[in-house]
Amino acid sequence: MLRHEFQPGKLVAGAFLTLTGVIYAGDAGGLWDTPWFAVIPLVVAGLFLAGTVGTITGVIRRRRGRTRPLTAPEADARPHG
């Protein structure tokens, strides 16, 4: 299996959107009552935080000069010597 680059911004966005889904699922299941506008700040804050985390991650990766390959087959394809 090929390895992929870890993207913490997508992780944060997914966590907030999953939390929003859980809140609506609890409302639909009758466990609690959620007003329709209650999750708007949650989604907006989650997307803002995800963008901030993604930007910071990009800056850190550019400063480090990330040049190593992500997959092992790419490393084996280079000539040795």
C-alpha atoms as a PDB file:
ATOM      1  CA  MET A   1       0.000   0.000   0.000  1.00  0.00           C
ATOM      2  CA  LEU A   2       1.317   3.427  -0.906  1.00  0.00           C
ATOM      3  CA  ARG A   3       1.903   5.829   1.927  1.00  0.00           C
ATOM      4  CA  HIS A   4       0.273   9.204   1.774  1.00  0.00           C
ATOM      5  CA  GLU A   5       1.200  12.532   3.219  1.00  0.00           C
ATOM      6  CA  PHE A   6      -0.362  13.325   6.600  1.00  0.00           C
ATOM      7  CA  GLN A   7      -2.593  16.400   6.337  1.00  0.00           C
ATOM      8  CA  PRO A   8      -3.688  17.603   9.775  1.00  0.00           C
ATOM      9  CA  GLY A   9      -5.984  20.294   8.330  1.00  0.00           C
ATOM     10  CA  LYS A  10      -8.176  17.639   6.735  1.00  0.00           C
ATOM     11  CA  LEU A  11      -8.173  15.708  10.003  1.00  0.00           C
ATOM     12  CA  VAL A  12      -9.447  18.759  11.914  1.00  0.00           C
ATOM     13  CA  ALA A  13     -12.117  19.507   9.298  1.00  0.00           C
ATOM     14  CA  GLY A  14     -13.255  15.886   9.335  1.00  0.00           C
ATOM     15  CA  ALA A  15     -13.448  15.830  13.122  1.00  0.00           C
ATOM     16  CA  PHE A  16     -15.615  18.956  13.270  1.00  0.00           C
ATOM     17  CA  LEU A  17     -17.900  17.788  10.471  1.00  0.00           C
ATOM     18  CA  THR A  18     -18.226  14.370  12.122  1.00  0.00           C
ATOM     19  CA  LEU A  19     -19.157  16.084  15.379  1.00  0.00           C
ATOM     20  CA  THR A  20     -21.794  18.074  13.491  1.00  0.00           C
ATOM     21  CA  GLY A  21     -23.184  14.846  12.062  1.00  0.00           C
ATOM     22  CA  VAL A  22     -23.307  13.279  15.523  1.00  0.00           C
ATOM     23  CA  ILE A  23     -25.194  16.301  16.857  1.00  0.00           C
ATOM     24  CA  TYR A  24     -27.771  16.072  14.067  1.00  0.00           C
ATOM     25  CA  ALA A  25     -28.014  12.294  14.447  1.00  0.00           C
ATOM     26  CA  GLY A  26     -28.723  12.679  18.150  1.00  0.00           C
ATOM     27  CA  ASP A  27     -31.410  15.207  17.311  1.00  0.00           C
ATOM     28  CA  ALA A  28     -32.938  12.917  14.690  1.00  0.00           C
ATOM     29  CA  GLY A  29     -32.846   9.979  17.106  1.00  0.00           C
ATOM     30  CA  GLY A  30     -34.693  11.943  19.772  1.00  0.00           C
ATOM     31  CA  LEU A  31     -31.850  11.963  22.288  1.00  0.00           C
ATOM     32  CA  TRP A  32     -31.816  15.772  22.436  1.00  0.00           C
ATOM     33  CA  ASP A  33     -33.254  18.784  20.656  1.00  0.00           C
ATOM     34  CA  THR A  34     -30.861  20.814  18.504  1.00  0.00           C
ATOM     35  CA  PRO A  35     -31.944  24.072  16.862  1.00  0.00           C
ATOM     36  CA  TRP A  36     -31.094  24.195  13.156  1.00  0.00           C
ATOM     37  CA  PHE A  37     -28.753  27.173  13.591  1.00  0.00           C
ATOM     38  CA  ALA A  38     -26.758  25.704  16.490  1.00  0.00           C
ATOM     39  CA  VAL A  39     -24.217  23.879  14.360  1.00  0.00           C
ATOM     40  CA  ILE A  40     -23.390  26.803  12.050  1.00  0.00           C
ATOM     41  CA  PRO A  41     -20.770  28.222  14.457  1.00  0.00           C
ATOM     42  CA  LEU A  42     -19.362  24.726  14.928  1.00  0.00           C
ATOM     43  CA  VAL A  43     -18.906  24.175  11.180  1.00  0.00           C
ATOM     44  CA  VAL A  44     -17.516  27.676  10.578  1.00  0.00           C
ATOM     45  CA  ALA A  45     -15.088  27.400  13.493  1.00  0.00           C
ATOM     46  CA  GLY A  46     -14.013  23.926  12.344  1.00  0.00           C
ATOM     47  CA  LEU A  47     -13.338  25.063   8.793  1.00  0.00           C
ATOM     48  CA  PHE A  48     -11.479  28.143  10.027  1.00  0.00           C
ATOM     49  CA  LEU A  49      -9.352  26.033  12.366  1.00  0.00           C
ATOM     50  CA  ALA A  50      -8.703  23.492   9.602  1.00  0.00           C
ATOM     51  CA  GLY A  51      -7.539  26.261   7.273  1.00  0.00           C
ATOM     52  CA  THR A  52      -5.277  27.674   9.952  1.00  0.00           C
ATOM     53  CA  VAL A  53      -3.776  24.262  10.715  1.00  0.00           C
ATOM     54  CA  GLY A  54      -3.289  23.581   7.003  1.00  0.00           C
ATOM     55  CA  THR A  55      -1.556  26.915   6.497  1.00  0.00           C
ATOM     56  CA  ILE A  56       0.757  26.372   9.452  1.00  0.00           C
ATOM     57  CA  THR A  57       1.550  22.853   8.239  1.00  0.00           C
ATOM     58  CA  GLY A  58       2.402  24.177   4.775  1.00  0.00           C
ATOM     59  CA  VAL A  59       4.701  26.842   6.198  1.00  0.00           C
ATOM     60  CA  ILE A  60       6.492  24.296   8.372  1.00  0.00           C
ATOM     61  CA  ARG A  61       6.950  21.897   5.458  1.00  0.00           C
ATOM     62  CA  ARG A  62       8.306  24.637   3.185  1.00  0.00           C
ATOM     63  CA  ARG A  63      10.783  25.734   5.842  1.00  0.00           C
ATOM     64  CA  ARG A  64      12.028  22.199   6.354  1.00  0.00           C
ATOM     65  CA  GLY A  65      12.493  21.705   2.612  1.00  0.00           C
ATOM     66  CA  ARG A  66      10.696  18.402   2.450  1.00  0.00           C
ATOM     67  CA  THR A  67      12.305  16.630  -0.497  1.00  0.00           C
ATOM     68  CA  ARG A  68      12.213  12.980   0.481  1.00  0.00           C
ATOM     69  CA  PRO A  69       9.903  10.720  -1.544  1.00  0.00           C
ATOM     70  CA  LEU A  70       6.648   9.505  -0.024  1.00  0.00           C
ATOM     71  CA  THR A  71       6.818   5.964  -1.393  1.00  0.00           C
ATOM     72  CA  ALA A  72       9.537   3.348  -1.292  1.00  0.00           C
ATOM     73  CA  PRO A  73       9.345   2.398  -5.017  1.00  0.00           C
ATOM     74  CA  GLU A  74      10.324   5.951  -5.991  1.00  0.00           C
ATOM     75  CA  ALA A  75      13.457   5.658  -3.879  1.00  0.00           C
ATOM     76  CA  ASP A  76      14.372   2.335  -5.532  1.00  0.00           C
ATOM     77  CA  ALA A  77      13.968   3.813  -9.033  1.00  0.00           C
ATOM     78  CA  ARG A  78      16.882   6.222  -8.605  1.00  0.00           C
ATOM     79  CA  PRO A  79      20.240   5.097  -9.976  1.00  0.00           C
ATOM     80  CA  HIS A  80      22.785   4.033  -7.404  1.00  0.00           C
ATOM     81  CA  GLY A  81      26.353   4.959  -7.569  1.00  0.00           C
END
